[in-house]
Amino acid sequence: PAPTRECSLVAVHLDQDARYELAQSCRGAELRRND
């Protein structure tokens, strides 16, 4: 939790047979945006 206004970008490019695992836990903020 945070009293902030924040935005973020997580961008991933996967080549052949590559693997990506994202696990995300979120609490809120005054404004929180995740792309």
PDB file of all heavy atoms in Angstrom:
ATOM      1  N   PRO A   1       0.837  -1.208   0.000  1.00  0.00           N
ATOM      2  CA  PRO A   1       0.000   0.000   0.000  1.00  0.00           C
ATOM      3  C   PRO A   1       0.868   1.253   0.000  1.00  0.00           C
ATOM      4  O   PRO A   1       1.933   1.285   0.619  1.00  0.00           O
ATOM      5  CB  PRO A   1      -0.793  -0.120   1.312  1.00  0.00           C
ATOM      6  CG  PRO A   1      -0.719  -1.549   1.697  1.00  0.00           C
ATOM      7  CD  PRO A   1       0.578  -2.072   1.168  1.00  0.00           C
ATOM      8  N   ALA A   2       0.416   2.279  -0.715  1.00  0.00           N
ATOM      9  CA  ALA A   2       1.194   3.514  -0.806  1.00  0.00           C
ATOM     10  C   ALA A   2       0.269   4.694  -1.078  1.00  0.00           C
ATOM     11  O   ALA A   2      -0.696   4.560  -1.838  1.00  0.00           O
ATOM     12  CB  ALA A   2       2.241   3.402  -1.915  1.00  0.00           C
ATOM     13  N   PRO A   3       0.569   5.856  -0.504  1.00  0.00           N
ATOM     14  CA  PRO A   3      -0.236   7.058  -0.747  1.00  0.00           C
ATOM     15  C   PRO A   3       0.259   7.807  -1.977  1.00  0.00           C
ATOM     16  O   PRO A   3       0.410   9.036  -1.962  1.00  0.00           O
ATOM     17  CB  PRO A   3      -0.016   7.864   0.528  1.00  0.00           C
ATOM     18  CG  PRO A   3       1.389   7.539   0.920  1.00  0.00           C
ATOM     19  CD  PRO A   3       1.617   6.091   0.513  1.00  0.00           C
ATOM     20  N   THR A   4       0.533   7.088  -3.064  1.00  0.00           N
ATOM     21  CA  THR A   4       1.193   7.659  -4.227  1.00  0.00           C
ATOM     22  C   THR A   4       0.318   7.521  -5.473  1.00  0.00           C
ATOM     23  O   THR A   4      -0.675   6.790  -5.493  1.00  0.00           O
ATOM     24  CB  THR A   4       2.530   6.948  -4.484  1.00  0.00           C
ATOM     25  OG1 THR A   4       2.284   5.530  -4.614  1.00  0.00           O
ATOM     26  CG2 THR A   4       3.507   7.181  -3.363  1.00  0.00           C
ATOM     27  N   ARG A   5       0.734   8.219  -6.522  1.00  0.00           N
ATOM     28  CA  ARG A   5       0.154   8.062  -7.848  1.00  0.00           C
ATOM     29  C   ARG A   5       1.282   7.583  -8.745  1.00  0.00           C
ATOM     30  O   ARG A   5       2.232   8.326  -8.997  1.00  0.00           O
ATOM     31  CB  ARG A   5      -0.424   9.383  -8.359  1.00  0.00           C
ATOM     32  CG  ARG A   5      -1.476   9.980  -7.450  1.00  0.00           C
ATOM     33  CD  ARG A   5      -1.898  11.360  -7.932  1.00  0.00           C
ATOM     34  NE  ARG A   5      -2.681  12.058  -6.922  1.00  0.00           N
ATOM     35  CZ  ARG A   5      -3.109  13.316  -7.035  1.00  0.00           C
ATOM     36  NH1 ARG A   5      -2.813  14.019  -8.123  1.00  0.00           N
ATOM     37  NH2 ARG A   5      -3.809  13.865  -6.069  1.00  0.00           N
ATOM     38  N   GLU A   6       1.186   6.358  -9.205  1.00  0.00           N
ATOM     39  CA  GLU A   6       2.307   5.772  -9.929  1.00  0.00           C
ATOM     40  C   GLU A   6       1.814   4.912 -11.084  1.00  0.00           C
ATOM     41  O   GLU A   6       0.722   4.332 -11.041  1.00  0.00           O
ATOM     42  CB  GLU A   6       3.163   4.928  -8.985  1.00  0.00           C
ATOM     43  CG  GLU A   6       2.424   3.743  -8.395  1.00  0.00           C
ATOM     44  CD  GLU A   6       3.204   3.043  -7.286  1.00  0.00           C
ATOM     45  OE1 GLU A   6       3.721   3.744  -6.399  1.00  0.00           O
ATOM     46  OE2 GLU A   6       3.268   1.803  -7.323  1.00  0.00           O
ATOM     47  N   CYS A   7       2.627   4.837 -12.125  1.00  0.00           N
ATOM     48  CA  CYS A   7       2.371   3.978 -13.277  1.00  0.00           C
ATOM     49  C   CYS A   7       3.643   3.190 -13.574  1.00  0.00           C
ATOM     50  O   CYS A   7       4.749   3.647 -13.281  1.00  0.00           O
ATOM     51  CB  CYS A   7       1.974   4.798 -14.497  1.00  0.00           C
ATOM     52  SG  CYS A   7       0.454   5.759 -14.310  1.00  0.00           S
ATOM     53  N   SER A   8       3.476   2.020 -14.153  1.00  0.00           N
ATOM     54  CA  SER A   8       4.650   1.216 -14.488  1.00  0.00           C
ATOM     55  C   SER A   8       4.380   0.406 -15.746  1.00  0.00           C
ATOM     56  O   SER A   8       3.227   0.163 -16.129  1.00  0.00           O
ATOM     57  CB  SER A   8       5.019   0.280 -13.327  1.00  0.00           C
ATOM     58  OG  SER A   8       4.000  -0.685 -13.123  1.00  0.00           O
ATOM     59  N   LEU A   9       5.462  -0.020 -16.376  1.00  0.00           N
ATOM     60  CA  LEU A   9       5.399  -0.857 -17.567  1.00  0.00           C
ATOM     61  C   LEU A   9       6.356  -2.021 -17.407  1.00  0.00           C
ATOM     62  O   LEU A   9       7.548  -1.827 -17.166  1.00  0.00           O
ATOM     63  CB  LEU A   9       5.776  -0.040 -18.816  1.00  0.00           C
ATOM     64  CG  LEU A   9       6.006  -0.832 -20.113  1.00  0.00           C
ATOM     65  CD1 LEU A   9       4.735  -1.533 -20.560  1.00  0.00           C
ATOM     66  CD2 LEU A   9       6.527   0.091 -21.219  1.00  0.00           C
ATOM     67  N   VAL A  10       5.833  -3.238 -17.529  1.00  0.00           N
ATOM     68  CA  VAL A  10       6.639  -4.453 -17.611  1.00  0.00           C
ATOM     69  C   VAL A  10       6.483  -4.975 -19.030  1.00  0.00           C
ATOM     70  O   VAL A  10       5.373  -5.317 -19.461  1.00  0.00           O
ATOM     71  CB  VAL A  10       6.185  -5.514 -16.590  1.00  0.00           C
ATOM     72  CG1 VAL A  10       6.935  -6.825 -16.817  1.00  0.00           C
ATOM     73  CG2 VAL A  10       6.400  -5.020 -15.170  1.00  0.00           C
ATOM     74  N   ALA A  11       7.573  -5.001 -19.784  1.00  0.00           N
ATOM     75  CA  ALA A  11       7.527  -5.411 -21.188  1.00  0.00           C
ATOM     76  C   ALA A  11       8.552  -6.511 -21.421  1.00  0.00           C
ATOM     77  O   ALA A  11       9.721  -6.365 -21.055  1.00  0.00           O
ATOM     78  CB  ALA A  11       7.807  -4.215 -22.102  1.00  0.00           C
ATOM     79  N   VAL A  12       8.108  -7.613 -22.044  1.00  0.00           N
ATOM     80  CA  VAL A  12       8.958  -8.796 -22.189  1.00  0.00           C
ATOM     81  C   VAL A  12       8.887  -9.314 -23.621  1.00  0.00           C
ATOM     82  O   VAL A  12       7.798  -9.429 -24.204  1.00  0.00           O
ATOM     83  CB  VAL A  12       8.511  -9.916 -21.215  1.00  0.00           C
ATOM     84  CG1 VAL A  12       9.428 -11.127 -21.327  1.00  0.00           C
ATOM     85  CG2 VAL A  12       8.475  -9.393 -19.782  1.00  0.00           C
ATOM     86  N   HIS A  13      10.057  -9.636 -24.168  1.00  0.00           N
ATOM     87  CA  HIS A  13      10.180 -10.246 -25.491  1.00  0.00           C
ATOM     88  C   HIS A  13      10.788 -11.633 -25.303  1.00  0.00           C
ATOM     89  O   HIS A  13      11.872 -11.771 -24.710  1.00  0.00           O
ATOM     90  CB  HIS A  13      11.081  -9.380 -26.384  1.00  0.00           C
ATOM     91  CG  HIS A  13      11.425  -9.997 -27.707  1.00  0.00           C
ATOM     92  ND1 HIS A  13      10.773  -9.671 -28.883  1.00  0.00           N
ATOM     93  CD2 HIS A  13      12.370 -10.916 -28.041  1.00  0.00           C
ATOM     94  CE1 HIS A  13      11.297 -10.354 -29.872  1.00  0.00           C
ATOM     95  NE2 HIS A  13      12.269 -11.120 -29.398  1.00  0.00           N
ATOM     96  N   LEU A  14      10.108 -12.669 -25.828  1.00  0.00           N
ATOM     97  CA  LEU A  14      10.555 -14.047 -25.661  1.00  0.00           C
ATOM     98  C   LEU A  14      10.962 -14.638 -27.002  1.00  0.00           C
ATOM     99  O   LEU A  14      10.170 -14.643 -27.957  1.00  0.00           O
ATOM    100  CB  LEU A  14       9.447 -14.909 -25.044  1.00  0.00           C
ATOM    101  CG  LEU A  14       8.933 -14.497 -23.660  1.00  0.00           C
ATOM    102  CD1 LEU A  14       7.771 -15.383 -23.229  1.00  0.00           C
ATOM    103  CD2 LEU A  14      10.055 -14.544 -22.628  1.00  0.00           C
ATOM    104  N   ASP A  15      12.198 -15.156 -27.059  1.00  0.00           N
ATOM    105  CA  ASP A  15      12.662 -15.852 -28.253  1.00  0.00           C
ATOM    106  C   ASP A  15      12.276 -17.329 -28.172  1.00  0.00           C
ATOM    107  O   ASP A  15      11.528 -17.748 -27.287  1.00  0.00           O
ATOM    108  CB  ASP A  15      14.175 -15.679 -28.394  1.00  0.00           C
ATOM    109  CG  ASP A  15      14.557 -14.266 -28.832  1.00  0.00           C
ATOM    110  OD1 ASP A  15      13.731 -13.605 -29.489  1.00  0.00           O
ATOM    111  OD2 ASP A  15      15.674 -13.816 -28.492  1.00  0.00           O
ATOM    112  N   GLN A  16      12.805 -18.119 -29.071  1.00  0.00           N
ATOM    113  CA  GLN A  16      12.411 -19.527 -29.183  1.00  0.00           C
ATOM    114  C   GLN A  16      12.639 -20.278 -27.871  1.00  0.00           C
ATOM    115  O   GLN A  16      13.707 -20.199 -27.253  1.00  0.00           O
ATOM    116  CB  GLN A  16      13.208 -20.201 -30.305  1.00  0.00           C
ATOM    117  CG  GLN A  16      12.862 -21.661 -30.535  1.00  0.00           C
ATOM    118  CD  GLN A  16      13.601 -22.243 -31.723  1.00  0.00           C
ATOM    119  OE1 GLN A  16      14.139 -21.507 -32.553  1.00  0.00           O
ATOM    120  NE2 GLN A  16      13.637 -23.555 -31.815  1.00  0.00           N
ATOM    121  N   ASP A  17      11.595 -21.016 -27.452  1.00  0.00           N
ATOM    122  CA  ASP A  17      11.639 -21.870 -26.251  1.00  0.00           C
ATOM    123  C   ASP A  17      11.979 -21.095 -24.978  1.00  0.00           C
ATOM    124  O   ASP A  17      12.356 -21.707 -23.962  1.00  0.00           O
ATOM    125  CB  ASP A  17      12.633 -23.021 -26.433  1.00  0.00           C
ATOM    126  CG  ASP A  17      12.214 -23.991 -27.525  1.00  0.00           C
ATOM    127  OD1 ASP A  17      11.002 -24.240 -27.654  1.00  0.00           O
ATOM    128  OD2 ASP A  17      13.077 -24.479 -28.271  1.00  0.00           O
ATOM    129  N   ALA A  18      11.859 -19.788 -24.999  1.00  0.00           N
ATOM    130  CA  ALA A  18      12.099 -19.001 -23.786  1.00  0.00           C
ATOM    131  C   ALA A  18      10.873 -19.060 -22.877  1.00  0.00           C
ATOM    132  O   ALA A  18       9.747 -19.290 -23.335  1.00  0.00           O
ATOM    133  CB  ALA A  18      12.409 -17.555 -24.155  1.00  0.00           C
ATOM    134  N   ARG A  19      11.111 -18.818 -21.569  1.00  0.00           N
ATOM    135  CA  ARG A  19      10.024 -18.871 -20.597  1.00  0.00           C
ATOM    136  C   ARG A  19      10.062 -17.629 -19.698  1.00  0.00           C
ATOM    137  O   ARG A  19      11.137 -17.174 -19.303  1.00  0.00           O
ATOM    138  CB  ARG A  19      10.131 -20.122 -19.721  1.00  0.00           C
ATOM    139  CG  ARG A  19       9.940 -21.416 -20.481  1.00  0.00           C
ATOM    140  CD  ARG A  19       9.798 -22.597 -19.537  1.00  0.00           C
ATOM    141  NE  ARG A  19       9.565 -23.828 -20.264  1.00  0.00           N
ATOM    142  CZ  ARG A  19       9.237 -24.982 -19.694  1.00  0.00           C
ATOM    143  NH1 ARG A  19       9.156 -25.042 -18.357  1.00  0.00           N
ATOM    144  NH2 ARG A  19       9.028 -26.065 -20.413  1.00  0.00           N
ATOM    145  N   TYR A  20       8.869 -17.162 -19.397  1.00  0.00           N
ATOM    146  CA  TYR A  20       8.726 -16.020 -18.486  1.00  0.00           C
ATOM    147  C   TYR A  20       7.574 -16.302 -17.543  1.00  0.00           C
ATOM    148  O   TYR A  20       6.474 -16.665 -17.972  1.00  0.00           O
ATOM    149  CB  TYR A  20       8.473 -14.734 -19.267  1.00  0.00           C
ATOM    150  CG  TYR A  20       8.166 -13.531 -18.397  1.00  0.00           C
ATOM    151  CD1 TYR A  20       9.152 -12.985 -17.574  1.00  0.00           C
ATOM    152  CD2 TYR A  20       6.915 -12.939 -18.396  1.00  0.00           C
ATOM    153  CE1 TYR A  20       8.881 -11.884 -16.774  1.00  0.00           C
ATOM    154  CE2 TYR A  20       6.640 -11.831 -17.602  1.00  0.00           C
ATOM    155  CZ  TYR A  20       7.622 -11.315 -16.795  1.00  0.00           C
ATOM    156  OH  TYR A  20       7.362 -10.221 -16.003  1.00  0.00           O
ATOM    157  N   GLU A  21       7.840 -16.156 -16.243  1.00  0.00           N
ATOM    158  CA  GLU A  21       6.824 -16.371 -15.221  1.00  0.00           C
ATOM    159  C   GLU A  21       6.733 -15.122 -14.362  1.00  0.00           C
ATOM    160  O   GLU A  21       7.709 -14.745 -13.702  1.00  0.00           O
ATOM    161  CB  GLU A  21       7.184 -17.579 -14.340  1.00  0.00           C
ATOM    162  CG  GLU A  21       7.399 -18.880 -15.111  1.00  0.00           C
ATOM    163  CD  GLU A  21       8.002 -19.964 -14.223  1.00  0.00           C
ATOM    164  OE1 GLU A  21       8.020 -19.776 -12.986  1.00  0.00           O
ATOM    165  OE2 GLU A  21       8.452 -20.980 -14.770  1.00  0.00           O
ATOM    166  N   LEU A  22       5.575 -14.484 -14.377  1.00  0.00           N
ATOM    167  CA  LEU A  22       5.341 -13.301 -13.548  1.00  0.00           C
ATOM    168  C   LEU A  22       4.333 -13.641 -12.466  1.00  0.00           C
ATOM    169  O   LEU A  22       3.233 -14.122 -12.749  1.00  0.00           O
ATOM    170  CB  LEU A  22       4.807 -12.133 -14.395  1.00  0.00           C
ATOM    171  CG  LEU A  22       4.332 -10.899 -13.616  1.00  0.00           C
ATOM    172  CD1 LEU A  22       5.493 -10.256 -12.869  1.00  0.00           C
ATOM    173  CD2 LEU A  22       3.674  -9.895 -14.546  1.00  0.00           C
ATOM    174  N   ALA A  23       4.709 -13.395 -11.206  1.00  0.00           N
ATOM    175  CA  ALA A  23       3.788 -13.517 -10.079  1.00  0.00           C
ATOM    176  C   ALA A  23       3.771 -12.175  -9.366  1.00  0.00           C
ATOM    177  O   ALA A  23       4.817 -11.691  -8.920  1.00  0.00           O
ATOM    178  CB  ALA A  23       4.229 -14.631  -9.132  1.00  0.00           C
ATOM    179  N   GLN A  24       2.610 -11.582  -9.243  1.00  0.00           N
ATOM    180  CA  GLN A  24       2.501 -10.210  -8.748  1.00  0.00           C
ATOM    181  C   GLN A  24       1.418 -10.117  -7.680  1.00  0.00           C
ATOM    182  O   GLN A  24       0.296 -10.582  -7.883  1.00  0.00           O
ATOM    183  CB  GLN A  24       2.157  -9.285  -9.929  1.00  0.00           C
ATOM    184  CG  GLN A  24       1.931  -7.845  -9.569  1.00  0.00           C
ATOM    185  CD  GLN A  24       1.766  -6.979 -10.800  1.00  0.00           C
ATOM    186  OE1 GLN A  24       2.738  -6.497 -11.358  1.00  0.00           O
ATOM    187  NE2 GLN A  24       0.538  -6.785 -11.250  1.00  0.00           N
ATOM    188  N   SER A  25       1.765  -9.541  -6.545  1.00  0.00           N
ATOM    189  CA  SER A  25       0.767  -9.256  -5.511  1.00  0.00           C
ATOM    190  C   SER A  25       0.692  -7.746  -5.342  1.00  0.00           C
ATOM    191  O   SER A  25       1.719  -7.075  -5.239  1.00  0.00           O
ATOM    192  CB  SER A  25       1.125  -9.924  -4.189  1.00  0.00           C
ATOM    193  OG  SER A  25       2.273  -9.352  -3.610  1.00  0.00           O
ATOM    194  N   CYS A  26      -0.526  -7.219  -5.335  1.00  0.00           N
ATOM    195  CA  CYS A  26      -0.721  -5.773  -5.335  1.00  0.00           C
ATOM    196  C   CYS A  26      -1.648  -5.352  -4.201  1.00  0.00           C
ATOM    197  O   CYS A  26      -2.694  -5.972  -3.979  1.00  0.00           O
ATOM    198  CB  CYS A  26      -1.349  -5.301  -6.645  1.00  0.00           C
ATOM    199  SG  CYS A  26      -0.471  -5.770  -8.133  1.00  0.00           S
ATOM    200  N   ARG A  27      -1.255  -4.327  -3.522  1.00  0.00           N
ATOM    201  CA  ARG A  27      -2.165  -3.539  -2.719  1.00  0.00           C
ATOM    202  C   ARG A  27      -2.385  -2.229  -3.456  1.00  0.00           C
ATOM    203  O   ARG A  27      -1.663  -1.896  -4.377  1.00  0.00           O
ATOM    204  CB  ARG A  27      -1.591  -3.317  -1.323  1.00  0.00           C
ATOM    205  CG  ARG A  27      -1.379  -4.613  -0.549  1.00  0.00           C
ATOM    206  CD  ARG A  27      -2.691  -5.320  -0.226  1.00  0.00           C
ATOM    207  NE  ARG A  27      -3.590  -4.485   0.574  1.00  0.00           N
ATOM    208  CZ  ARG A  27      -3.583  -4.440   1.896  1.00  0.00           C
ATOM    209  NH1 ARG A  27      -2.711  -5.179   2.577  1.00  0.00           N
ATOM    210  NH2 ARG A  27      -4.429  -3.665   2.552  1.00  0.00           N
ATOM    211  N   GLY A  28      -3.349  -1.483  -3.033  1.00  0.00           N
ATOM    212  CA  GLY A  28      -3.690  -0.293  -3.770  1.00  0.00           C
ATOM    213  C   GLY A  28      -2.841   0.904  -3.396  1.00  0.00           C
ATOM    214  O   GLY A  28      -2.041   0.884  -2.466  1.00  0.00           O
ATOM    215  N   ALA A  29      -3.022   1.963  -4.156  1.00  0.00           N
ATOM    216  CA  ALA A  29      -2.405   3.257  -3.889  1.00  0.00           C
ATOM    217  C   ALA A  29      -3.473   4.309  -4.164  1.00  0.00           C
ATOM    218  O   ALA A  29      -4.613   3.987  -4.504  1.00  0.00           O
ATOM    219  CB  ALA A  29      -1.186   3.466  -4.776  1.00  0.00           C
ATOM    220  N   GLU A  30      -3.098   5.570  -4.021  1.00  0.00           N
ATOM    221  CA  GLU A  30      -4.053   6.605  -4.421  1.00  0.00           C
ATOM    222  C   GLU A  30      -4.404   6.421  -5.899  1.00  0.00           C
ATOM    223  O   GLU A  30      -5.557   6.555  -6.300  1.00  0.00           O
ATOM    224  CB  GLU A  30      -3.469   7.992  -4.164  1.00  0.00           C
ATOM    225  CG  GLU A  30      -4.454   9.108  -4.463  1.00  0.00           C
ATOM    226  CD  GLU A  30      -3.876  10.478  -4.173  1.00  0.00           C
ATOM    227  OE1 GLU A  30      -2.850  10.566  -3.459  1.00  0.00           O
ATOM    228  OE2 GLU A  30      -4.455  11.464  -4.672  1.00  0.00           O
ATOM    229  N   LEU A  31      -3.388   6.086  -6.699  1.00  0.00           N
ATOM    230  CA  LEU A  31      -3.579   5.665  -8.083  1.00  0.00           C
ATOM    231  C   LEU A  31      -2.406   4.779  -8.447  1.00  0.00           C
ATOM    232  O   LEU A  31      -1.261   5.198  -8.318  1.00  0.00           O
ATOM    233  CB  LEU A  31      -3.663   6.873  -9.019  1.00  0.00           C
ATOM    234  CG  LEU A  31      -3.978   6.596 -10.496  1.00  0.00           C
ATOM    235  CD1 LEU A  31      -4.671   7.800 -11.114  1.00  0.00           C
ATOM    236  CD2 LEU A  31      -2.725   6.248 -11.300  1.00  0.00           C
ATOM    237  N   ARG A  32      -2.691   3.563  -8.876  1.00  0.00           N
ATOM    238  CA  ARG A  32      -1.626   2.636  -9.284  1.00  0.00           C
ATOM    239  C   ARG A  32      -2.044   1.968 -10.589  1.00  0.00           C
ATOM    240  O   ARG A  32      -3.101   1.349 -10.668  1.00  0.00           O
ATOM    241  CB  ARG A  32      -1.356   1.606  -8.201  1.00  0.00           C
ATOM    242  CG  ARG A  32      -0.315   0.543  -8.601  1.00  0.00           C
ATOM    243  CD  ARG A  32       0.072  -0.318  -7.406  1.00  0.00           C
ATOM    244  NE  ARG A  32       1.051   0.372  -6.573  1.00  0.00           N
ATOM    245  CZ  ARG A  32       1.174   0.173  -5.256  1.00  0.00           C
ATOM    246  NH1 ARG A  32       0.370  -0.653  -4.621  1.00  0.00           N
ATOM    247  NH2 ARG A  32       2.105   0.833  -4.579  1.00  0.00           N
ATOM    248  N   ARG A  33      -1.203   2.090 -11.583  1.00  0.00           N
ATOM    249  CA  ARG A  33      -1.472   1.532 -12.912  1.00  0.00           C
ATOM    250  C   ARG A  33      -0.302   0.639 -13.312  1.00  0.00           C
ATOM    251  O   ARG A  33       0.856   1.071 -13.322  1.00  0.00           O
ATOM    252  CB  ARG A  33      -1.645   2.673 -13.915  1.00  0.00           C
ATOM    253  CG  ARG A  33      -1.545   2.299 -15.385  1.00  0.00           C
ATOM    254  CD  ARG A  33      -2.837   1.778 -15.949  1.00  0.00           C
ATOM    255  NE  ARG A  33      -2.738   1.650 -17.410  1.00  0.00           N
ATOM    256  CZ  ARG A  33      -3.721   1.898 -18.248  1.00  0.00           C
ATOM    257  NH1 ARG A  33      -4.907   2.276 -17.790  1.00  0.00           N
ATOM    258  NH2 ARG A  33      -3.571   1.736 -19.541  1.00  0.00           N
ATOM    259  N   ASN A  34      -0.585  -0.623 -13.664  1.00  0.00           N
ATOM    260  CA  ASN A  34       0.422  -1.560 -14.129  1.00  0.00           C
ATOM    261  C   ASN A  34       0.090  -1.979 -15.556  1.00  0.00           C
ATOM    262  O   ASN A  34      -0.968  -2.561 -15.806  1.00  0.00           O
ATOM    263  CB  ASN A  34       0.450  -2.822 -13.258  1.00  0.00           C
ATOM    264  CG  ASN A  34       0.840  -2.551 -11.822  1.00  0.00           C
ATOM    265  OD1 ASN A  34       1.792  -1.820 -11.568  1.00  0.00           O
ATOM    266  ND2 ASN A  34       0.120  -3.132 -10.878  1.00  0.00           N
ATOM    267  N   ASP A  35       0.979  -1.680 -16.504  1.00  0.00           N
ATOM    268  CA  ASP A  35       0.862  -2.214 -17.859  1.00  0.00           C
ATOM    269  C   ASP A  35       1.855  -3.358 -18.003  1.00  0.00           C
ATOM    270  O   ASP A  35       3.045  -3.202 -17.697  1.00  0.00           O
ATOM    271  CB  ASP A  35       1.161  -1.122 -18.886  1.00  0.00           C
ATOM    272  CG  ASP A  35      -0.018  -0.203 -19.105  1.00  0.00           C
ATOM    273  OD1 ASP A  35      -0.844  -0.513 -19.977  1.00  0.00           O
ATOM    274  OD2 ASP A  35      -0.114   0.816 -18.403  1.00  0.00           O
TER     275      ASP A  35
END
